[in-house]
Amino acid sequence: RNPFRATLRTLTDSRFDVTEEHHIPVGVQRVSFPSLYDALARTLPDNQAALLLYLLLHGNPLFLEYVLARTDLETLIIPILYSLYWATRLKSNQIYMLLVILLILTQDSSFNTHVHAIIIPYIPWYKERVLHNVSLGSVMVIVLIRMVRFNLSRLRDVYLHTNCLAALANMAPSFRDLDDYAAQRLMELFSMLAKKYLVLRGVRIPGSPPLSPSSTADMTTIIWNDTEKEMTTELATYQDFLRIVLDIINACLTHALPKNPNIVYAILRERRLFEPFRTHPRFWDLIDNLDKIMNHFGGCLTA
């Protein structure tokens, strides 16, 4: 048994007075949760601070409850997102730790709602686009999608992609007023996955010329570029990722469609990307729901 971890699990907030009727149990340590939170926020993304935060969130439900109740979550989340933005500077275990921290936090629905109410005036370290007055939730979506897109070209670490997509899936039902750039990046992620999957299946991408004179447009023709076992594994991986991204889009539109017009506009602009998957056994149900939404709003725009 690790005594350090055992001590962290027993930490309680020293702000609450202990009366004679409520004595501190033997072995329980008291510390100021606000001071601890502020110290972690100041020192992140330091590796030791990240490790301590992970151990506390994972092992101490009282501290997790305290963090989720904070109104200034950006002081903790922005340093984590900054580190993930510069993930090439980190080791794999450091990236995993930061992603698991986000995964733990996004399991709470109140957290997912709260981050969309926190407006960040400016994100100076994001270089691809100027981000002004964007919600913390939108910044989280943008950075997590950026990580997935950056690593998908290599597909060396499925665990990393799975954690990123799992955090997004946790957040999806609580998306509120998602920034147009975040919605665009979500559709670009789907496009990237869909095109890769279609190429692996030997299916022509909508709007593009045939892959080769022998290529067909149906979903049954498979071009094996490697051994059957390796190709099956790669196809299954991309298929799972596609399903998760479609689940994310559907969850957002099912639970908060009126509050996410940018998602609706994004899928209307890229509706041709969904065409090859309408009869796919793994995707048809989700595509059918999207079709209903696209037909409704598409009709409104052309009326």
C-alpha atoms as a PDB file:
ATOM      1  CA  ARG A   1       0.000   0.000   0.000  1.00  0.00           C
ATOM      2  CA  ASN A   2       1.276   3.443  -0.977  1.00  0.00           C
ATOM      3  CA  PRO A   3       1.058   5.716   2.115  1.00  0.00           C
ATOM      4  CA  PHE A   4       1.237   8.864  -0.040  1.00  0.00           C
ATOM      5  CA  ARG A   5      -1.816   7.886  -2.070  1.00  0.00           C
ATOM      6  CA  ALA A   6      -3.604   6.720   1.062  1.00  0.00           C
ATOM      7  CA  THR A   7      -3.055  10.150   2.644  1.00  0.00           C
ATOM      8  CA  LEU A   8      -4.353  11.965  -0.433  1.00  0.00           C
ATOM      9  CA  ARG A   9      -7.537   9.912  -0.309  1.00  0.00           C
ATOM     10  CA  THR A  10      -8.235  11.005   3.261  1.00  0.00           C
ATOM     11  CA  LEU A  11      -7.711  14.752   2.791  1.00  0.00           C
ATOM     12  CA  THR A  12     -10.601  16.905   3.958  1.00  0.00           C
ATOM     13  CA  ASP A  13     -11.232  20.638   3.696  1.00  0.00           C
ATOM     14  CA  SER A  14      -9.863  22.482   6.739  1.00  0.00           C
ATOM     15  CA  ARG A  15     -12.350  25.332   6.270  1.00  0.00           C
ATOM     16  CA  PHE A  16     -15.040  23.279   7.942  1.00  0.00           C
ATOM     17  CA  ASP A  17     -14.782  23.444  11.705  1.00  0.00           C
ATOM     18  CA  VAL A  18     -14.653  20.249  13.677  1.00  0.00           C
ATOM     19  CA  THR A  19     -16.942  20.285  16.692  1.00  0.00           C
ATOM     20  CA  GLU A  20     -16.779  18.090  19.721  1.00  0.00           C
ATOM     21  CA  GLU A  21     -19.571  15.994  18.232  1.00  0.00           C
ATOM     22  CA  HIS A  22     -17.636  15.470  14.972  1.00  0.00           C
ATOM     23  CA  HIS A  23     -14.069  14.513  15.679  1.00  0.00           C
ATOM     24  CA  ILE A  24     -11.547  13.966  12.905  1.00  0.00           C
ATOM     25  CA  PRO A  25     -11.142  10.233  12.317  1.00  0.00           C
ATOM     26  CA  VAL A  26      -7.703   8.793  12.935  1.00  0.00           C
ATOM     27  CA  GLY A  27      -5.512   9.129   9.836  1.00  0.00           C
ATOM     28  CA  VAL A  28      -7.576  11.875   8.186  1.00  0.00           C
ATOM     29  CA  GLN A  29      -5.583  14.962   7.175  1.00  0.00           C
ATOM     30  CA  ARG A  30      -7.011  18.456   6.872  1.00  0.00           C
ATOM     31  CA  VAL A  31      -5.912  20.960   4.253  1.00  0.00           C
ATOM     32  CA  SER A  32      -7.403  24.105   2.742  1.00  0.00           C
ATOM     33  CA  PHE A  33      -9.000  22.999  -0.531  1.00  0.00           C
ATOM     34  CA  PRO A  34      -9.078  26.586  -1.907  1.00  0.00           C
ATOM     35  CA  SER A  35      -5.342  27.001  -1.236  1.00  0.00           C
ATOM     36  CA  LEU A  36      -4.622  23.581  -2.730  1.00  0.00           C
ATOM     37  CA  TYR A  37      -6.706  24.368  -5.819  1.00  0.00           C
ATOM     38  CA  ASP A  38      -4.999  27.753  -6.297  1.00  0.00           C
ATOM     39  CA  ALA A  39      -1.551  26.191  -5.905  1.00  0.00           C
ATOM     40  CA  LEU A  40      -2.340  23.540  -8.523  1.00  0.00           C
ATOM     41  CA  ALA A  41      -3.751  26.154 -10.914  1.00  0.00           C
ATOM     42  CA  ARG A  42      -0.609  28.286 -10.526  1.00  0.00           C
ATOM     43  CA  THR A  43       1.836  25.439 -11.113  1.00  0.00           C
ATOM     44  CA  LEU A  44       0.072  23.580 -13.944  1.00  0.00           C
ATOM     45  CA  PRO A  45       1.170  22.306 -16.418  1.00  0.00           C
ATOM     46  CA  ASP A  46       4.111  21.254 -14.235  1.00  0.00           C
ATOM     47  CA  ASN A  47       4.376  17.455 -14.269  1.00  0.00           C
ATOM     48  CA  GLN A  48       4.253  17.095 -10.494  1.00  0.00           C
ATOM     49  CA  ALA A  49       1.224  19.372 -10.247  1.00  0.00           C
ATOM     50  CA  ALA A  50      -0.542  17.378 -12.973  1.00  0.00           C
ATOM     51  CA  LEU A  51       0.210  14.103 -11.198  1.00  0.00           C
ATOM     52  CA  LEU A  52      -1.025  15.466  -7.867  1.00  0.00           C
ATOM     53  CA  LEU A  53      -4.207  16.788  -9.487  1.00  0.00           C
ATOM     54  CA  TYR A  54      -4.855  13.436 -11.144  1.00  0.00           C
ATOM     55  CA  LEU A  55      -4.360  11.517  -7.882  1.00  0.00           C
ATOM     56  CA  LEU A  56      -6.684  13.878  -6.014  1.00  0.00           C
ATOM     57  CA  LEU A  57      -9.451  13.823  -8.616  1.00  0.00           C
ATOM     58  CA  HIS A  58      -9.215  10.069  -9.015  1.00  0.00           C
ATOM     59  CA  GLY A  59      -8.876   9.118  -5.360  1.00  0.00           C
ATOM     60  CA  ASN A  60     -10.502  11.854  -3.283  1.00  0.00           C
ATOM     61  CA  PRO A  61     -14.233  12.378  -3.978  1.00  0.00           C
ATOM     62  CA  LEU A  62     -14.369  15.353  -1.598  1.00  0.00           C
ATOM     63  CA  PHE A  63     -11.739  17.262  -3.561  1.00  0.00           C
ATOM     64  CA  LEU A  64     -13.375  16.307  -6.864  1.00  0.00           C
ATOM     65  CA  GLU A  65     -16.671  17.646  -5.547  1.00  0.00           C
ATOM     66  CA  TYR A  66     -14.931  20.860  -4.514  1.00  0.00           C
ATOM     67  CA  VAL A  67     -13.312  21.326  -7.943  1.00  0.00           C
ATOM     68  CA  LEU A  68     -16.613  20.768  -9.733  1.00  0.00           C
ATOM     69  CA  ALA A  69     -18.209  23.466  -7.561  1.00  0.00           C
ATOM     70  CA  ARG A  70     -15.622  26.119  -8.460  1.00  0.00           C
ATOM     71  CA  THR A  71     -16.800  29.034 -10.595  1.00  0.00           C
ATOM     72  CA  ASP A  72     -13.338  29.731 -12.040  1.00  0.00           C
ATOM     73  CA  LEU A  73     -12.658  26.409 -13.715  1.00  0.00           C
ATOM     74  CA  GLU A  74     -10.729  28.168 -16.465  1.00  0.00           C
ATOM     75  CA  THR A  75      -7.806  28.679 -14.072  1.00  0.00           C
ATOM     76  CA  LEU A  76      -7.386  24.915 -13.967  1.00  0.00           C
ATOM     77  CA  ILE A  77      -8.515  23.879 -17.458  1.00  0.00           C
ATOM     78  CA  ILE A  78      -6.700  26.445 -19.620  1.00  0.00           C
ATOM     79  CA  PRO A  79      -3.187  25.346 -18.478  1.00  0.00           C
ATOM     80  CA  ILE A  80      -4.143  21.738 -19.274  1.00  0.00           C
ATOM     81  CA  LEU A  81      -5.393  22.716 -22.741  1.00  0.00           C
ATOM     82  CA  TYR A  82      -2.235  24.746 -23.311  1.00  0.00           C
ATOM     83  CA  SER A  83      -0.125  21.682 -22.569  1.00  0.00           C
ATOM     84  CA  LEU A  84      -2.220  19.487 -24.859  1.00  0.00           C
ATOM     85  CA  TYR A  85      -1.932  22.086 -27.617  1.00  0.00           C
ATOM     86  CA  TRP A  86       1.840  21.655 -27.416  1.00  0.00           C
ATOM     87  CA  ALA A  87       1.578  17.888 -27.000  1.00  0.00           C
ATOM     88  CA  THR A  88       4.656  17.297 -29.158  1.00  0.00           C
ATOM     89  CA  ARG A  89       6.715  18.590 -26.238  1.00  0.00           C
ATOM     90  CA  LEU A  90       5.262  16.032 -23.842  1.00  0.00           C
ATOM     91  CA  LYS A  91       5.915  12.383 -23.200  1.00  0.00           C
ATOM     92  CA  SER A  92       3.098   9.903 -23.759  1.00  0.00           C
ATOM     93  CA  ASN A  93       2.469   9.355 -20.048  1.00  0.00           C
ATOM     94  CA  GLN A  94       2.133  13.109 -19.505  1.00  0.00           C
ATOM     95  CA  ILE A  95      -0.433  13.377 -22.287  1.00  0.00           C
ATOM     96  CA  TYR A  96      -2.398  10.439 -20.882  1.00  0.00           C
ATOM     97  CA  MET A  97      -2.481  11.997 -17.439  1.00  0.00           C
ATOM     98  CA  LEU A  98      -3.841  15.318 -18.702  1.00  0.00           C
ATOM     99  CA  LEU A  99      -6.443  13.566 -20.855  1.00  0.00           C
ATOM    100  CA  VAL A 100      -7.608  11.387 -17.975  1.00  0.00           C
ATOM    101  CA  ILE A 101      -7.994  14.518 -15.822  1.00  0.00           C
ATOM    102  CA  LEU A 102     -10.331  15.971 -18.463  1.00  0.00           C
ATOM    103  CA  LEU A 103     -12.067  12.619 -18.788  1.00  0.00           C
ATOM    104  CA  ILE A 104     -12.765  12.518 -15.050  1.00  0.00           C
ATOM    105  CA  LEU A 105     -14.124  16.065 -15.033  1.00  0.00           C
ATOM    106  CA  THR A 106     -16.315  15.616 -18.129  1.00  0.00           C
ATOM    107  CA  GLN A 107     -18.089  12.688 -16.481  1.00  0.00           C
ATOM    108  CA  ASP A 108     -19.988  15.288 -14.466  1.00  0.00           C
ATOM    109  CA  SER A 109     -22.885  16.921 -16.330  1.00  0.00           C
ATOM    110  CA  SER A 110     -22.721  20.116 -14.258  1.00  0.00           C
ATOM    111  CA  PHE A 111     -19.090  20.586 -15.285  1.00  0.00           C
ATOM    112  CA  ASN A 112     -20.015  20.158 -18.950  1.00  0.00           C
ATOM    113  CA  THR A 113     -22.760  22.754 -18.616  1.00  0.00           C
ATOM    114  CA  HIS A 114     -20.616  25.181 -16.643  1.00  0.00           C
ATOM    115  CA  VAL A 115     -17.680  25.269 -19.084  1.00  0.00           C
ATOM    116  CA  HIS A 116     -19.988  26.624 -21.800  1.00  0.00           C
ATOM    117  CA  ALA A 117     -21.005  29.491 -19.535  1.00  0.00           C
ATOM    118  CA  ILE A 118     -17.405  30.621 -18.952  1.00  0.00           C
ATOM    119  CA  ILE A 119     -16.282  33.046 -21.660  1.00  0.00           C
ATOM    120  CA  ILE A 120     -12.570  33.360 -22.378  1.00  0.00           C
ATOM    121  CA  PRO A 121     -11.673  36.811 -23.795  1.00  0.00           C
ATOM    122  CA  TYR A 122      -8.611  35.660 -25.746  1.00  0.00           C
ATOM    123  CA  ILE A 123      -6.467  32.546 -26.264  1.00  0.00           C
ATOM    124  CA  PRO A 124      -3.009  33.910 -27.179  1.00  0.00           C
ATOM    125  CA  TRP A 125      -1.296  30.528 -27.647  1.00  0.00           C
ATOM    126  CA  TYR A 126      -3.725  29.161 -30.240  1.00  0.00           C
ATOM    127  CA  LYS A 127      -2.054  29.914 -33.567  1.00  0.00           C
ATOM    128  CA  GLU A 128      -4.376  28.461 -36.224  1.00  0.00           C
ATOM    129  CA  ARG A 129      -7.084  31.050 -35.669  1.00  0.00           C
ATOM    130  CA  VAL A 130      -7.756  34.066 -33.482  1.00  0.00           C
ATOM    131  CA  LEU A 131     -10.070  32.989 -30.674  1.00  0.00           C
ATOM    132  CA  HIS A 132     -11.886  35.935 -29.081  1.00  0.00           C
ATOM    133  CA  ASN A 133     -14.729  35.733 -26.557  1.00  0.00           C
ATOM    134  CA  VAL A 134     -15.130  31.996 -26.913  1.00  0.00           C
ATOM    135  CA  SER A 135     -16.533  29.682 -24.259  1.00  0.00           C
ATOM    136  CA  LEU A 136     -14.216  27.428 -22.293  1.00  0.00           C
ATOM    137  CA  GLY A 137     -16.263  24.470 -23.561  1.00  0.00           C
ATOM    138  CA  SER A 138     -15.606  25.470 -27.166  1.00  0.00           C
ATOM    139  CA  VAL A 139     -11.883  25.781 -26.479  1.00  0.00           C
ATOM    140  CA  MET A 140     -11.896  22.292 -24.979  1.00  0.00           C
ATOM    141  CA  VAL A 141     -13.638  20.926 -28.085  1.00  0.00           C
ATOM    142  CA  ILE A 142     -11.187  22.691 -30.414  1.00  0.00           C
ATOM    143  CA  VAL A 143      -8.072  21.479 -28.604  1.00  0.00           C
ATOM    144  CA  LEU A 144      -9.292  17.895 -28.191  1.00  0.00           C
ATOM    145  CA  ILE A 145     -10.221  17.669 -31.876  1.00  0.00           C
ATOM    146  CA  ARG A 146      -6.863  19.148 -32.824  1.00  0.00           C
ATOM    147  CA  MET A 147      -5.133  16.408 -30.861  1.00  0.00           C
ATOM    148  CA  VAL A 148      -7.120  13.682 -32.596  1.00  0.00           C
ATOM    149  CA  ARG A 149      -6.516  15.128 -36.067  1.00  0.00           C
ATOM    150  CA  PHE A 150      -2.823  15.569 -35.407  1.00  0.00           C
ATOM    151  CA  ASN A 151      -2.365  11.971 -34.290  1.00  0.00           C
ATOM    152  CA  LEU A 152      -4.735  10.232 -36.679  1.00  0.00           C
ATOM    153  CA  SER A 153      -2.259  10.398 -39.531  1.00  0.00           C
ATOM    154  CA  ARG A 154      -0.016   8.042 -37.567  1.00  0.00           C
ATOM    155  CA  LEU A 155      -2.658   5.976 -35.781  1.00  0.00           C
ATOM    156  CA  ARG A 156       0.014   4.686 -33.434  1.00  0.00           C
ATOM    157  CA  ASP A 157      -1.861   5.266 -30.229  1.00  0.00           C
ATOM    158  CA  VAL A 158      -5.503   4.279 -30.279  1.00  0.00           C
ATOM    159  CA  TYR A 159      -5.719   4.840 -26.510  1.00  0.00           C
ATOM    160  CA  LEU A 160      -4.981   8.551 -26.943  1.00  0.00           C
ATOM    161  CA  HIS A 161      -7.649   8.995 -29.596  1.00  0.00           C
ATOM    162  CA  THR A 162     -10.159   7.014 -27.576  1.00  0.00           C
ATOM    163  CA  ASN A 163      -9.669   9.233 -24.506  1.00  0.00           C
ATOM    164  CA  CYS A 164     -10.035  12.422 -26.548  1.00  0.00           C
ATOM    165  CA  LEU A 165     -13.209  11.184 -28.221  1.00  0.00           C
ATOM    166  CA  ALA A 166     -14.578   9.868 -24.916  1.00  0.00           C
ATOM    167  CA  ALA A 167     -14.193  13.315 -23.325  1.00  0.00           C
ATOM    168  CA  LEU A 168     -15.965  14.893 -26.316  1.00  0.00           C
ATOM    169  CA  ALA A 169     -18.725  12.292 -26.089  1.00  0.00           C
ATOM    170  CA  ASN A 170     -19.192  13.123 -22.395  1.00  0.00           C
ATOM    171  CA  MET A 171     -19.517  16.804 -23.259  1.00  0.00           C
ATOM    172  CA  ALA A 172     -21.728  16.465 -26.339  1.00  0.00           C
ATOM    173  CA  PRO A 173     -25.192  16.421 -24.664  1.00  0.00           C
ATOM    174  CA  SER A 174     -24.244  19.669 -22.878  1.00  0.00           C
ATOM    175  CA  PHE A 175     -22.920  21.601 -25.885  1.00  0.00           C
ATOM    176  CA  ARG A 176     -24.326  25.121 -25.719  1.00  0.00           C
ATOM    177  CA  ASP A 177     -23.712  27.842 -28.325  1.00  0.00           C
ATOM    178  CA  LEU A 178     -20.712  25.959 -29.636  1.00  0.00           C
ATOM    179  CA  ASP A 179     -18.414  28.339 -31.472  1.00  0.00           C
ATOM    180  CA  ASP A 180     -18.627  28.211 -35.279  1.00  0.00           C
ATOM    181  CA  TYR A 181     -14.948  27.282 -35.495  1.00  0.00           C
ATOM    182  CA  ALA A 182     -15.458  24.414 -33.032  1.00  0.00           C
ATOM    183  CA  ALA A 183     -18.425  23.170 -35.088  1.00  0.00           C
ATOM    184  CA  GLN A 184     -16.348  23.442 -38.258  1.00  0.00           C
ATOM    185  CA  ARG A 185     -13.498  21.472 -36.696  1.00  0.00           C
ATOM    186  CA  LEU A 186     -15.909  18.754 -35.581  1.00  0.00           C
ATOM    187  CA  MET A 187     -17.129  18.317 -39.151  1.00  0.00           C
ATOM    188  CA  GLU A 188     -13.556  18.391 -40.444  1.00  0.00           C
ATOM    189  CA  LEU A 189     -12.751  15.556 -38.053  1.00  0.00           C
ATOM    190  CA  PHE A 190     -15.666  13.532 -39.409  1.00  0.00           C
ATOM    191  CA  SER A 191     -14.549  14.318 -42.961  1.00  0.00           C
ATOM    192  CA  MET A 192     -11.009  13.184 -42.243  1.00  0.00           C
ATOM    193  CA  LEU A 193     -12.180   9.915 -40.694  1.00  0.00           C
ATOM    194  CA  ALA A 194     -14.785   9.280 -43.390  1.00  0.00           C
ATOM    195  CA  LYS A 195     -12.379   9.832 -46.274  1.00  0.00           C
ATOM    196  CA  LYS A 196      -9.757   7.587 -44.731  1.00  0.00           C
ATOM    197  CA  TYR A 197     -12.331   4.881 -44.094  1.00  0.00           C
ATOM    198  CA  LEU A 198     -13.722   5.092 -47.637  1.00  0.00           C
ATOM    199  CA  VAL A 199     -10.251   4.886 -49.128  1.00  0.00           C
ATOM    200  CA  LEU A 200      -9.533   1.780 -47.071  1.00  0.00           C
ATOM    201  CA  ARG A 201     -12.799   0.260 -48.320  1.00  0.00           C
ATOM    202  CA  GLY A 202     -12.027   1.204 -51.927  1.00  0.00           C
ATOM    203  CA  VAL A 203     -15.097   3.422 -52.150  1.00  0.00           C
ATOM    204  CA  ARG A 204     -15.090   6.660 -54.129  1.00  0.00           C
ATOM    205  CA  ILE A 205     -15.354   9.757 -51.980  1.00  0.00           C
ATOM    206  CA  PRO A 206     -18.387  11.894 -52.917  1.00  0.00           C
ATOM    207  CA  GLY A 207     -17.359  14.742 -55.211  1.00  0.00           C
ATOM    208  CA  SER A 208     -13.980  13.223 -56.076  1.00  0.00           C
ATOM    209  CA  PRO A 209     -12.801  11.282 -59.130  1.00  0.00           C
ATOM    210  CA  PRO A 210     -12.594   7.475 -58.945  1.00  0.00           C
ATOM    211  CA  LEU A 211      -9.643   6.118 -56.962  1.00  0.00           C
ATOM    212  CA  SER A 212      -8.688   3.974 -59.947  1.00  0.00           C
ATOM    213  CA  PRO A 213     -10.314   2.715 -63.163  1.00  0.00           C
ATOM    214  CA  SER A 214     -11.348  -0.446 -61.285  1.00  0.00           C
ATOM    215  CA  SER A 215     -12.786   1.354 -58.237  1.00  0.00           C
ATOM    216  CA  THR A 216     -16.528   1.108 -57.638  1.00  0.00           C
ATOM    217  CA  ALA A 217     -18.962   3.238 -55.694  1.00  0.00           C
ATOM    218  CA  ASP A 218     -20.529   0.591 -53.495  1.00  0.00           C
ATOM    219  CA  MET A 219     -19.688  -0.244 -49.896  1.00  0.00           C
ATOM    220  CA  THR A 220     -18.866  -3.896 -50.555  1.00  0.00           C
ATOM    221  CA  THR A 221     -15.653  -3.505 -52.537  1.00  0.00           C
ATOM    222  CA  ILE A 222     -12.606  -3.668 -50.276  1.00  0.00           C
ATOM    223  CA  ILE A 223      -9.081  -2.975 -51.472  1.00  0.00           C
ATOM    224  CA  TRP A 224      -6.599  -4.699 -49.189  1.00  0.00           C
ATOM    225  CA  ASN A 225      -3.422  -2.671 -49.007  1.00  0.00           C
ATOM    226  CA  ASP A 226      -1.822  -4.972 -46.460  1.00  0.00           C
ATOM    227  CA  THR A 227      -2.442  -8.331 -44.844  1.00  0.00           C
ATOM    228  CA  GLU A 228      -6.069  -9.168 -44.115  1.00  0.00           C
ATOM    229  CA  LYS A 229      -5.530  -9.123 -40.359  1.00  0.00           C
ATOM    230  CA  GLU A 230      -3.885  -5.684 -40.333  1.00  0.00           C
ATOM    231  CA  MET A 231      -6.456  -4.209 -42.708  1.00  0.00           C
ATOM    232  CA  THR A 232      -9.341  -5.588 -40.674  1.00  0.00           C
ATOM    233  CA  THR A 233      -7.890  -4.031 -37.514  1.00  0.00           C
ATOM    234  CA  GLU A 234      -7.385  -0.647 -39.178  1.00  0.00           C
ATOM    235  CA  LEU A 235     -10.847  -0.664 -40.721  1.00  0.00           C
ATOM    236  CA  ALA A 236     -12.413  -1.611 -37.399  1.00  0.00           C
ATOM    237  CA  THR A 237     -10.531   1.198 -35.660  1.00  0.00           C
ATOM    238  CA  TYR A 238     -11.673   3.868 -38.115  1.00  0.00           C
ATOM    239  CA  GLN A 239     -15.180   2.440 -38.054  1.00  0.00           C
ATOM    240  CA  ASP A 240     -15.296   2.760 -34.257  1.00  0.00           C
ATOM    241  CA  PHE A 241     -13.987   6.327 -34.426  1.00  0.00           C
ATOM    242  CA  LEU A 242     -16.587   7.251 -37.047  1.00  0.00           C
ATOM    243  CA  ARG A 243     -19.331   5.812 -34.874  1.00  0.00           C
ATOM    244  CA  ILE A 244     -18.153   7.842 -31.862  1.00  0.00           C
ATOM    245  CA  VAL A 245     -18.022  11.097 -33.859  1.00  0.00           C
ATOM    246  CA  LEU A 246     -21.501  10.450 -35.254  1.00  0.00           C
ATOM    247  CA  ASP A 247     -22.674   9.750 -31.695  1.00  0.00           C
ATOM    248  CA  ILE A 248     -21.182  13.082 -30.594  1.00  0.00           C
ATOM    249  CA  ILE A 249     -22.980  15.010 -33.345  1.00  0.00           C
ATOM    250  CA  ASN A 250     -26.261  13.201 -32.677  1.00  0.00           C
ATOM    251  CA  ALA A 251     -26.054  13.643 -28.902  1.00  0.00           C
ATOM    252  CA  CYS A 252     -25.530  17.368 -29.346  1.00  0.00           C
ATOM    253  CA  LEU A 253     -28.473  17.743 -31.735  1.00  0.00           C
ATOM    254  CA  THR A 254     -30.740  15.415 -29.756  1.00  0.00           C
ATOM    255  CA  HIS A 255     -30.263  17.159 -26.414  1.00  0.00           C
ATOM    256  CA  ALA A 256     -29.594  20.772 -27.408  1.00  0.00           C
ATOM    257  CA  LEU A 257     -30.450  21.382 -31.061  1.00  0.00           C
ATOM    258  CA  PRO A 258     -31.960  24.889 -30.567  1.00  0.00           C
ATOM    259  CA  LYS A 259     -28.837  26.021 -28.739  1.00  0.00           C
ATOM    260  CA  ASN A 260     -26.361  24.845 -31.389  1.00  0.00           C
ATOM    261  CA  PRO A 261     -27.158  26.502 -34.721  1.00  0.00           C
ATOM    262  CA  ASN A 262     -23.502  26.363 -35.743  1.00  0.00           C
ATOM    263  CA  ILE A 263     -23.568  22.558 -35.632  1.00  0.00           C
ATOM    264  CA  VAL A 264     -26.669  22.549 -37.854  1.00  0.00           C
ATOM    265  CA  TYR A 265     -25.025  24.899 -40.369  1.00  0.00           C
ATOM    266  CA  ALA A 266     -21.883  22.782 -40.348  1.00  0.00           C
ATOM    267  CA  ILE A 267     -23.672  19.517 -41.171  1.00  0.00           C
ATOM    268  CA  LEU A 268     -25.749  21.240 -43.869  1.00  0.00           C
ATOM    269  CA  ARG A 269     -22.582  22.495 -45.552  1.00  0.00           C
ATOM    270  CA  GLU A 270     -21.015  19.035 -45.476  1.00  0.00           C
ATOM    271  CA  ARG A 271     -24.116  16.880 -45.949  1.00  0.00           C
ATOM    272  CA  ARG A 272     -22.587  15.063 -48.943  1.00  0.00           C
ATOM    273  CA  LEU A 273     -20.086  13.418 -46.561  1.00  0.00           C
ATOM    274  CA  PHE A 274     -22.909  11.375 -45.034  1.00  0.00           C
ATOM    275  CA  GLU A 275     -24.122   9.921 -48.337  1.00  0.00           C
ATOM    276  CA  PRO A 276     -21.958   6.745 -48.445  1.00  0.00           C
ATOM    277  CA  PHE A 277     -22.996   5.737 -44.923  1.00  0.00           C
ATOM    278  CA  ARG A 278     -26.790   5.765 -45.256  1.00  0.00           C
ATOM    279  CA  THR A 279     -26.927   2.006 -45.778  1.00  0.00           C
ATOM    280  CA  HIS A 280     -23.947   1.092 -43.613  1.00  0.00           C
ATOM    281  CA  PRO A 281     -25.034  -1.348 -40.858  1.00  0.00           C
ATOM    282  CA  ARG A 282     -23.032   0.496 -38.182  1.00  0.00           C
ATOM    283  CA  PHE A 283     -24.089   4.031 -39.123  1.00  0.00           C
ATOM    284  CA  TRP A 284     -27.499   4.029 -40.800  1.00  0.00           C
ATOM    285  CA  ASP A 285     -29.475   4.754 -37.623  1.00  0.00           C
ATOM    286  CA  LEU A 286     -27.394   7.827 -36.762  1.00  0.00           C
ATOM    287  CA  ILE A 287     -27.356   9.041 -40.368  1.00  0.00           C
ATOM    288  CA  ASP A 288     -31.137   8.653 -40.513  1.00  0.00           C
ATOM    289  CA  ASN A 289     -31.510  11.016 -37.584  1.00  0.00           C
ATOM    290  CA  LEU A 290     -29.138  13.531 -39.190  1.00  0.00           C
ATOM    291  CA  ASP A 291     -31.047  13.247 -42.468  1.00  0.00           C
ATOM    292  CA  LYS A 292     -34.267  14.291 -40.740  1.00  0.00           C
ATOM    293  CA  ILE A 293     -32.555  17.347 -39.291  1.00  0.00           C
ATOM    294  CA  MET A 294     -30.850  18.245 -42.585  1.00  0.00           C
ATOM    295  CA  ASN A 295     -34.065  17.834 -44.566  1.00  0.00           C
ATOM    296  CA  HIS A 296     -36.007  20.017 -42.130  1.00  0.00           C
ATOM    297  CA  PHE A 297     -33.520  22.871 -41.953  1.00  0.00           C
ATOM    298  CA  GLY A 298     -32.453  22.514 -45.568  1.00  0.00           C
ATOM    299  CA  GLY A 299     -36.100  22.992 -46.540  1.00  0.00           C
ATOM    300  CA  CYS A 300     -36.317  26.068 -44.324  1.00  0.00           C
ATOM    301  CA  LEU A 301     -33.297  27.623 -46.040  1.00  0.00           C
ATOM    302  CA  THR A 302     -34.633  27.014 -49.558  1.00  0.00           C
ATOM    303  CA  ALA A 303     -38.222  28.011 -48.793  1.00  0.00           C
END
